[in-house]
Amino acid sequence: MGYIGQRSRGLAVRRLEELLDDKDREDLKRIAERLRQLSEVFKPEEHLVQTSFNHARRLISVAVDGGDNLIEPEAREIATGFIRVSAFSPDFKELPQPLEFAVKGFRLFAEDDNELSRRISQYIEQLFDHEIFKVFSKETGITTSDLGTYYRKGVPALVSILRDVAEWAYLVYLAYEHKKLNVLLVKDGRLAQVGVEDSFRKKLLGYFNSNDVHIVGVLKTNQLMGEKLAVRLVLKWLESYDVPVAIRVPDELMDYVYTTSRQWDPNREKSLVFGRRHLLRFRKKEFEPLESAIAFDVPEYLAQNKEALSQVVATLWTHRSALYGGSLGPLVEAHERASVGDPVIRRLEQELWNLVEREVFRNG
């Protein structure tokens, strides 16, 4: 982009050949060779999921909202966050009430960092007295010490961590309440957790594994689906199969797409994730590549169980929806119920700021 008043001259080259030198061509050939190697890593006997689409489980979807709608995050004295976790199920009429709470910066504010950390820790301890958090802690063995220290840095960090922890607590509560029923829990987003101690992830996965909890994380967007050439490779593998078809994404492609294996490999030491990435394609006619594909994470203990994995895929297939870009209708409904409406946040923000103007600056 030129300066104001300066005419754009455009590129001096008019053809690709004029842009490339010998080193460029060598690099492109190297990349092409690597992509050709990756195109051969898909092995049907290893990655194709054999599924009977007649054995679906009942489904409960869970979503959380609020972490991105922080009121006045730049004003640490009054920064306030709202969090709401909610569930929806086409199979169960009665579900727990949404879990919702506000993190009020003015209740936690302290000029001294040590005092701020103490107040935040005290707030977390009080929060864990809530019934859902009590069940979560009792069932998993997770305590506030497993949350690490990142959340003590201030209200934005606290809201970010609590948003995730509240969603896990709600999922564990649902698993506890429905443990004798044939249920698949669907989490909005990948099966992963950052910003906490590794013990948090180990205890949480240990609970799900020991109780044979059928849980998946469904992703609306992810790094794999955003890689245009990686998507072309996946399409190449899927084109020869009738829909519906489900696959486990080969490790080699995941390793190619992600910068570190902790972001995709659940068996990696101190991994951030709990599940293996899978894809379910339910329609071939698409405006965008893999528009009608559901990306989902499955814990290793389910991924290694052919019958359990078949039930997971069948359940997702049953609730597929072309209206939501490859997501699930029940998951979209759960997100709607969890939504902390932006107009509400902006109104509260204005009212809070008016209070500050009046009480601090004597305006209004």
Protein backbone atom coordinates (compact mmCIF):
# COMPACT_ATOMS: atom_id res chain seq x y z
CA MET A 1 0.00 0.00 0.00
CA GLY A 2 1.44 3.37 -1.06
CA TYR A 3 1.40 6.68 0.76
CA ILE A 4 -1.56 9.04 0.36
CA GLY A 5 -1.39 10.68 -3.05
CA GLN A 6 1.07 8.09 -4.36
CA ARG A 7 0.02 6.05 -7.38
CA SER A 8 0.29 2.30 -7.07
CA ARG A 9 2.86 0.92 -9.49
CA GLY A 10 1.96 -2.75 -8.94
CA LEU A 11 4.42 -5.60 -9.22
CA ALA A 12 7.14 -5.32 -11.79
CA VAL A 13 6.68 -9.00 -12.72
CA ARG A 14 3.79 -10.23 -14.83
CA ARG A 15 4.34 -14.00 -14.82
CA LEU A 16 5.28 -16.48 -12.08
CA GLU A 17 8.46 -17.45 -13.95
CA GLU A 18 9.71 -13.90 -13.59
CA LEU A 19 9.20 -14.09 -9.82
CA LEU A 20 11.02 -17.37 -9.17
CA ASP A 21 14.74 -18.03 -9.12
CA ASP A 22 16.48 -21.41 -8.92
CA LYS A 23 16.44 -21.51 -5.11
CA ASP A 24 12.69 -20.80 -5.11
CA ARG A 25 12.10 -23.69 -7.48
CA GLU A 26 14.14 -26.03 -5.28
CA ASP A 27 12.07 -25.02 -2.24
CA LEU A 28 8.79 -25.57 -4.09
CA LYS A 29 9.94 -28.98 -5.26
CA ARG A 30 10.90 -29.89 -1.69
CA ILE A 31 7.47 -28.86 -0.40
CA ALA A 32 5.73 -30.72 -3.23
CA GLU A 33 7.70 -33.87 -2.41
CA ARG A 34 6.75 -33.60 1.26
CA LEU A 35 3.05 -33.25 0.36
CA ARG A 36 3.31 -36.27 -1.95
CA GLN A 37 4.74 -38.26 0.95
CA LEU A 38 1.89 -37.15 3.18
CA SER A 39 -0.67 -38.13 0.55
CA GLU A 40 0.45 -41.74 1.00
CA VAL A 41 0.17 -41.97 4.81
CA PHE A 42 -3.55 -42.76 4.86
CA LYS A 43 -4.05 -46.51 5.41
CA PRO A 44 -7.70 -47.64 5.25
CA GLU A 45 -7.10 -50.58 7.57
CA GLU A 46 -5.67 -48.20 10.19
CA HIS A 47 -7.51 -44.90 9.73
CA LEU A 48 -10.92 -45.75 8.29
CA VAL A 49 -13.54 -46.08 11.05
CA GLN A 50 -15.86 -49.06 10.56
CA THR A 51 -19.27 -47.88 11.69
CA SER A 52 -22.77 -49.25 11.99
CA PHE A 53 -24.98 -46.18 11.78
CA ASN A 54 -27.87 -47.93 13.54
CA HIS A 55 -26.46 -47.87 17.08
CA ALA A 56 -26.59 -44.26 18.25
CA ARG A 57 -26.48 -43.22 21.88
CA ARG A 58 -28.60 -40.59 23.53
CA LEU A 59 -26.89 -37.22 23.39
CA ILE A 60 -26.29 -34.29 25.72
CA SER A 61 -24.44 -31.27 24.33
CA VAL A 62 -22.65 -28.70 26.50
CA ALA A 63 -21.34 -25.23 25.69
CA VAL A 64 -19.88 -22.31 27.62
CA ASP A 65 -19.85 -18.61 26.88
CA GLY A 66 -18.67 -15.41 28.48
CA GLY A 67 -14.88 -15.55 28.45
CA ASP A 68 -14.62 -13.18 25.48
CA ASN A 69 -17.14 -10.68 26.83
CA LEU A 70 -15.10 -9.17 29.63
CA ILE A 71 -16.32 -5.76 30.76
CA GLU A 72 -13.54 -3.16 30.78
CA PRO A 73 -10.57 -5.60 30.74
CA GLU A 74 -8.18 -2.63 30.50
CA ALA A 75 -9.54 -1.18 33.76
CA ARG A 76 -8.32 -3.68 36.34
CA GLU A 77 -10.19 -1.92 39.16
CA ILE A 78 -13.61 -2.69 37.65
CA ALA A 79 -12.99 -5.47 35.09
CA THR A 80 -15.90 -7.91 35.26
CA GLY A 81 -16.49 -11.22 33.53
CA PHE A 82 -19.65 -13.29 33.05
CA ILE A 83 -19.60 -17.05 32.55
CA ARG A 84 -22.50 -19.34 31.72
CA VAL A 85 -22.43 -23.07 30.99
CA SER A 86 -25.54 -24.73 29.62
CA ALA A 87 -26.68 -28.07 28.20
CA PHE A 88 -29.23 -29.21 25.65
CA SER A 89 -30.48 -32.65 24.78
CA PRO A 90 -33.09 -33.91 22.32
CA ASP A 91 -33.33 -37.05 24.48
CA PHE A 92 -33.67 -35.71 28.05
CA LYS A 93 -36.30 -33.19 29.14
CA GLU A 94 -34.74 -32.50 32.54
CA LEU A 95 -31.16 -31.27 32.74
CA PRO A 96 -29.26 -29.28 35.39
CA GLN A 97 -29.84 -25.54 35.42
CA PRO A 98 -27.16 -23.48 33.65
CA LEU A 99 -24.09 -22.77 35.75
CA GLU A 100 -23.55 -19.02 35.74
CA PHE A 101 -21.58 -16.53 37.78
CA ALA A 102 -19.88 -13.15 37.55
CA VAL A 103 -16.24 -12.46 38.33
CA LYS A 104 -16.19 -8.93 39.78
CA GLY A 105 -12.86 -7.17 39.54
CA PHE A 106 -13.76 -4.58 42.18
CA ARG A 107 -14.23 -7.39 44.72
CA LEU A 108 -10.78 -8.76 43.94
CA PHE A 109 -8.82 -5.57 43.28
CA ALA A 110 -5.64 -4.99 45.26
CA GLU A 111 -2.66 -2.76 44.51
CA ASP A 112 -0.27 -5.34 45.95
CA ASP A 113 0.25 -8.39 43.69
CA ASN A 114 0.47 -10.78 46.62
CA GLU A 115 -2.82 -9.51 48.04
CA LEU A 116 -4.43 -9.78 44.58
CA SER A 117 -3.27 -13.38 44.33
CA ARG A 118 -4.60 -14.14 47.82
CA ARG A 119 -8.02 -12.67 47.04
CA ILE A 120 -8.29 -14.57 43.77
CA SER A 121 -7.30 -17.82 45.49
CA GLN A 122 -9.93 -17.19 48.16
CA TYR A 123 -12.54 -16.54 45.46
CA ILE A 124 -11.69 -19.87 43.77
CA GLU A 125 -12.00 -21.72 47.07
CA GLN A 126 -15.45 -20.21 47.62
CA LEU A 127 -16.50 -21.11 44.08
CA PHE A 128 -15.57 -24.76 44.69
CA ASP A 129 -18.26 -24.81 47.42
CA HIS A 130 -20.91 -24.75 44.66
CA GLU A 131 -22.68 -28.11 44.30
CA ILE A 132 -21.47 -28.74 40.73
CA PHE A 133 -17.86 -27.95 41.67
CA LYS A 134 -18.17 -30.13 44.80
CA VAL A 135 -19.18 -33.13 42.69
CA PHE A 136 -16.46 -32.30 40.17
CA SER A 137 -13.77 -32.21 42.87
CA LYS A 138 -15.02 -35.33 44.67
CA GLU A 139 -15.33 -37.43 41.50
CA THR A 140 -12.05 -36.40 39.85
CA GLY A 141 -9.89 -35.58 42.86
CA ILE A 142 -9.14 -32.20 41.29
CA THR A 143 -8.55 -29.40 43.80
CA THR A 144 -7.65 -25.74 43.44
CA SER A 145 -3.95 -26.67 43.61
CA ASP A 146 -4.33 -28.44 40.23
CA LEU A 147 -5.31 -25.15 38.60
CA GLY A 148 -1.74 -23.87 38.74
CA THR A 149 -0.91 -20.19 39.21
CA TYR A 150 -1.70 -18.53 35.88
CA TYR A 151 -5.24 -17.63 36.95
CA ARG A 152 -3.87 -15.46 39.79
CA LYS A 153 -2.42 -12.90 37.37
CA GLY A 154 -5.63 -10.87 37.25
CA VAL A 155 -9.28 -10.90 36.26
CA PRO A 156 -8.75 -11.65 32.52
CA ALA A 157 -6.59 -14.70 33.34
CA LEU A 158 -9.01 -15.80 36.05
CA VAL A 159 -12.04 -15.57 33.73
CA SER A 160 -10.18 -17.44 30.98
CA ILE A 161 -9.33 -20.39 33.23
CA LEU A 162 -12.68 -20.44 35.03
CA ARG A 163 -14.53 -20.50 31.71
CA ASP A 164 -12.87 -23.81 30.87
CA VAL A 165 -12.92 -25.29 34.37
CA ALA A 166 -16.63 -24.52 34.77
CA GLU A 167 -17.36 -26.35 31.52
CA TRP A 168 -15.40 -29.42 32.66
CA ALA A 169 -17.13 -29.33 36.04
CA TYR A 170 -20.52 -29.26 34.32
CA LEU A 171 -19.55 -32.18 32.05
CA VAL A 172 -18.38 -34.26 35.00
CA TYR A 173 -21.60 -33.43 36.85
CA LEU A 174 -23.62 -34.65 33.86
CA ALA A 175 -21.51 -37.81 33.61
CA TYR A 176 -22.09 -38.42 37.33
CA GLU A 177 -25.85 -37.84 37.07
CA HIS A 178 -26.25 -40.02 33.94
CA LYS A 179 -23.57 -42.66 34.53
CA LYS A 180 -26.01 -45.59 34.26
CA LEU A 181 -27.50 -44.36 31.00
CA ASN A 182 -26.37 -44.84 27.42
CA VAL A 183 -25.23 -41.24 26.85
CA LEU A 184 -22.72 -39.44 24.65
CA LEU A 185 -21.54 -36.10 26.06
CA VAL A 186 -20.64 -33.59 23.36
CA LYS A 187 -18.37 -30.71 24.34
CA ASP A 188 -18.22 -27.55 22.27
CA GLY A 189 -14.58 -27.40 21.19
CA ARG A 190 -11.57 -29.67 21.35
CA LEU A 191 -10.72 -31.97 24.24
CA ALA A 192 -7.86 -29.90 25.64
CA GLN A 193 -6.94 -27.65 28.54
CA VAL A 194 -4.19 -25.04 28.79
CA GLY A 195 -3.04 -22.84 31.65
CA VAL A 196 -3.35 -25.48 34.39
CA GLU A 197 -1.09 -28.04 36.05
CA ASP A 198 -0.55 -31.30 34.20
CA SER A 199 -2.18 -33.05 37.17
CA PHE A 200 -5.48 -31.40 36.23
CA ARG A 201 -5.49 -33.06 32.81
CA LYS A 202 -4.35 -36.42 34.17
CA LYS A 203 -7.01 -36.53 36.89
CA LEU A 204 -9.76 -35.43 34.51
CA LEU A 205 -8.84 -37.97 31.85
CA GLY A 206 -8.44 -40.62 34.56
CA TYR A 207 -12.01 -39.98 35.71
CA PHE A 208 -13.43 -40.21 32.19
CA ASN A 209 -11.43 -43.38 31.47
CA SER A 210 -12.20 -45.25 34.71
CA ASN A 211 -15.92 -44.46 34.38
CA ASP A 212 -16.02 -45.23 30.65
CA VAL A 213 -17.51 -41.81 29.95
CA HIS A 214 -18.44 -41.45 26.30
CA ILE A 215 -17.36 -37.89 25.52
CA VAL A 216 -16.25 -36.10 22.37
CA GLY A 217 -15.24 -32.56 21.51
CA VAL A 218 -16.74 -31.13 18.32
CA LEU A 219 -14.79 -28.35 16.64
CA LYS A 220 -16.35 -25.62 14.51
CA THR A 221 -12.95 -24.36 13.41
CA ASN A 222 -9.49 -25.80 13.86
CA GLN A 223 -6.01 -25.45 12.50
CA LEU A 224 -6.22 -28.62 10.41
CA MET A 225 -9.36 -27.50 8.56
CA GLY A 226 -7.81 -24.08 8.00
CA GLU A 227 -4.83 -25.51 6.10
CA LYS A 228 -5.88 -25.46 2.44
CA LEU A 229 -3.38 -28.03 1.21
CA ALA A 230 -3.97 -30.32 4.22
CA VAL A 231 -7.71 -30.20 3.46
CA ARG A 232 -6.97 -31.20 -0.13
CA LEU A 233 -5.11 -34.23 1.14
CA VAL A 234 -8.02 -35.23 3.37
CA LEU A 235 -10.45 -34.79 0.48
CA LYS A 236 -8.25 -37.00 -1.67
CA TRP A 237 -8.54 -39.76 0.94
CA LEU A 238 -12.30 -39.39 1.37
CA GLU A 239 -13.37 -39.07 -2.27
CA SER A 240 -13.22 -42.82 -2.93
CA TYR A 241 -15.74 -43.61 -0.16
CA ASP A 242 -19.49 -43.20 -0.09
CA VAL A 243 -20.90 -40.93 2.60
CA PRO A 244 -21.21 -41.14 5.51
CA VAL A 245 -17.55 -41.92 6.09
CA ALA A 246 -15.40 -41.38 9.19
CA ILE A 247 -11.63 -41.43 9.54
CA ARG A 248 -8.98 -40.86 12.17
CA VAL A 249 -6.63 -38.18 10.90
CA PRO A 250 -3.18 -39.77 10.45
CA ASP A 251 -0.57 -38.70 12.99
CA GLU A 252 1.80 -37.68 10.21
CA LEU A 253 -0.63 -35.05 8.93
CA MET A 254 -1.37 -33.75 12.43
CA ASP A 255 2.36 -33.46 13.08
CA TYR A 256 2.78 -31.58 9.79
CA VAL A 257 -0.01 -29.08 10.58
CA TYR A 258 0.76 -28.37 14.24
CA THR A 259 4.00 -26.80 15.45
CA THR A 260 4.31 -29.01 18.53
CA SER A 261 3.02 -32.51 19.26
CA ARG A 262 1.67 -31.33 22.65
CA GLN A 263 -1.11 -29.64 20.64
CA TRP A 264 -2.41 -32.85 19.07
CA ASP A 265 -0.84 -36.00 20.57
CA PRO A 266 -2.51 -37.12 23.84
CA ASN A 267 0.30 -39.59 24.52
CA ARG A 268 2.97 -36.89 24.52
CA GLU A 269 4.46 -35.99 27.92
CA LYS A 270 2.56 -32.99 29.34
CA SER A 271 0.24 -33.00 26.33
CA LEU A 272 -2.42 -30.30 26.28
CA VAL A 273 -5.01 -32.55 24.63
CA PHE A 274 -7.10 -35.56 25.68
CA GLY A 275 -8.26 -36.88 22.31
CA ARG A 276 -7.41 -38.02 18.80
CA ARG A 277 -8.70 -35.97 15.86
CA HIS A 278 -11.34 -37.60 13.66
CA LEU A 279 -13.51 -36.46 10.74
CA LEU A 280 -17.01 -37.49 9.75
CA ARG A 281 -18.12 -36.51 6.27
CA PHE A 282 -21.87 -36.71 5.77
CA ARG A 283 -22.38 -35.12 2.35
CA LYS A 284 -20.27 -34.83 -0.79
CA LYS A 285 -21.99 -31.89 -2.49
CA GLU A 286 -20.35 -28.89 -0.86
CA PHE A 287 -19.78 -25.22 -1.67
CA GLU A 288 -16.57 -25.24 0.36
CA PRO A 289 -14.15 -28.16 0.85
CA LEU A 290 -15.24 -30.33 3.81
CA GLU A 291 -18.10 -27.93 4.56
CA SER A 292 -20.21 -31.00 5.41
CA ALA A 293 -17.66 -32.63 7.69
CA ILE A 294 -17.66 -32.80 11.48
CA ALA A 295 -14.23 -32.57 13.11
CA PHE A 296 -14.19 -34.18 16.54
CA ASP A 297 -11.77 -35.36 19.23
CA VAL A 298 -12.16 -38.79 20.83
CA PRO A 299 -10.28 -39.92 23.98
CA GLU A 300 -7.81 -42.72 23.36
CA TYR A 301 -9.74 -45.24 25.48
CA LEU A 302 -12.75 -44.80 23.17
CA ALA A 303 -10.76 -44.53 19.97
CA GLN A 304 -9.20 -47.95 20.66
CA ASN A 305 -12.62 -49.53 21.31
CA LYS A 306 -14.18 -50.26 17.90
CA GLU A 307 -17.71 -50.66 19.24
CA ALA A 308 -17.55 -47.47 21.32
CA LEU A 309 -16.06 -45.48 18.44
CA SER A 310 -18.77 -46.81 16.12
CA GLN A 311 -21.43 -45.59 18.57
CA VAL A 312 -19.79 -42.17 18.78
CA VAL A 313 -19.77 -41.77 15.00
CA ALA A 314 -23.35 -43.07 14.68
CA THR A 315 -24.56 -40.56 17.28
CA LEU A 316 -22.86 -37.63 15.57
CA TRP A 317 -24.26 -38.81 12.22
CA THR A 318 -27.77 -38.92 13.70
CA HIS A 319 -27.56 -35.28 14.79
CA ARG A 320 -25.68 -33.91 11.77
CA SER A 321 -26.86 -30.60 10.32
CA ALA A 322 -25.97 -29.00 7.02
CA LEU A 323 -27.27 -25.68 8.37
CA TYR A 324 -24.38 -25.09 10.76
CA GLY A 325 -21.32 -25.67 8.62
CA GLY A 326 -20.65 -29.20 9.78
CA SER A 327 -21.67 -28.75 13.42
CA LEU A 328 -24.52 -30.43 15.28
CA GLY A 329 -27.99 -28.99 15.81
CA PRO A 330 -28.04 -29.85 19.56
CA LEU A 331 -24.62 -28.27 20.05
CA VAL A 332 -25.75 -25.03 18.40
CA GLU A 333 -28.80 -25.05 20.68
CA ALA A 334 -26.59 -25.53 23.76
CA HIS A 335 -24.44 -22.60 22.66
CA GLU A 336 -27.51 -20.41 22.20
CA ARG A 337 -28.63 -21.24 25.75
CA ALA A 338 -25.17 -20.50 27.15
CA SER A 339 -24.75 -17.27 25.21
CA VAL A 340 -24.01 -14.16 27.22
CA GLY A 341 -25.65 -11.68 24.85
CA ASP A 342 -23.38 -8.92 23.60
CA PRO A 343 -26.08 -6.18 23.92
CA VAL A 344 -26.51 -7.09 27.58
CA ILE A 345 -22.76 -6.91 28.18
CA ARG A 346 -22.48 -3.54 26.45
CA ARG A 347 -25.40 -2.14 28.47
CA LEU A 348 -23.87 -3.32 31.75
CA GLU A 349 -20.53 -1.92 30.66
CA GLN A 350 -22.08 1.49 30.02
CA GLU A 351 -23.93 1.46 33.36
CA LEU A 352 -20.75 0.49 35.20
CA TRP A 353 -18.78 3.21 33.46
CA ASN A 354 -21.48 5.77 34.28
CA LEU A 355 -21.13 4.77 37.93
CA VAL A 356 -17.36 5.30 37.76
CA GLU A 357 -17.80 8.69 36.09
CA ARG A 358 -20.25 9.76 38.79
CA GLU A 359 -18.48 8.39 41.87
CA VAL A 360 -14.84 8.93 40.87
CA PHE A 361 -14.75 11.82 38.44
CA ARG A 362 -17.91 13.56 39.73
CA ASN A 363 -19.41 13.66 36.26
CA GLY A 364 -23.12 13.11 35.60
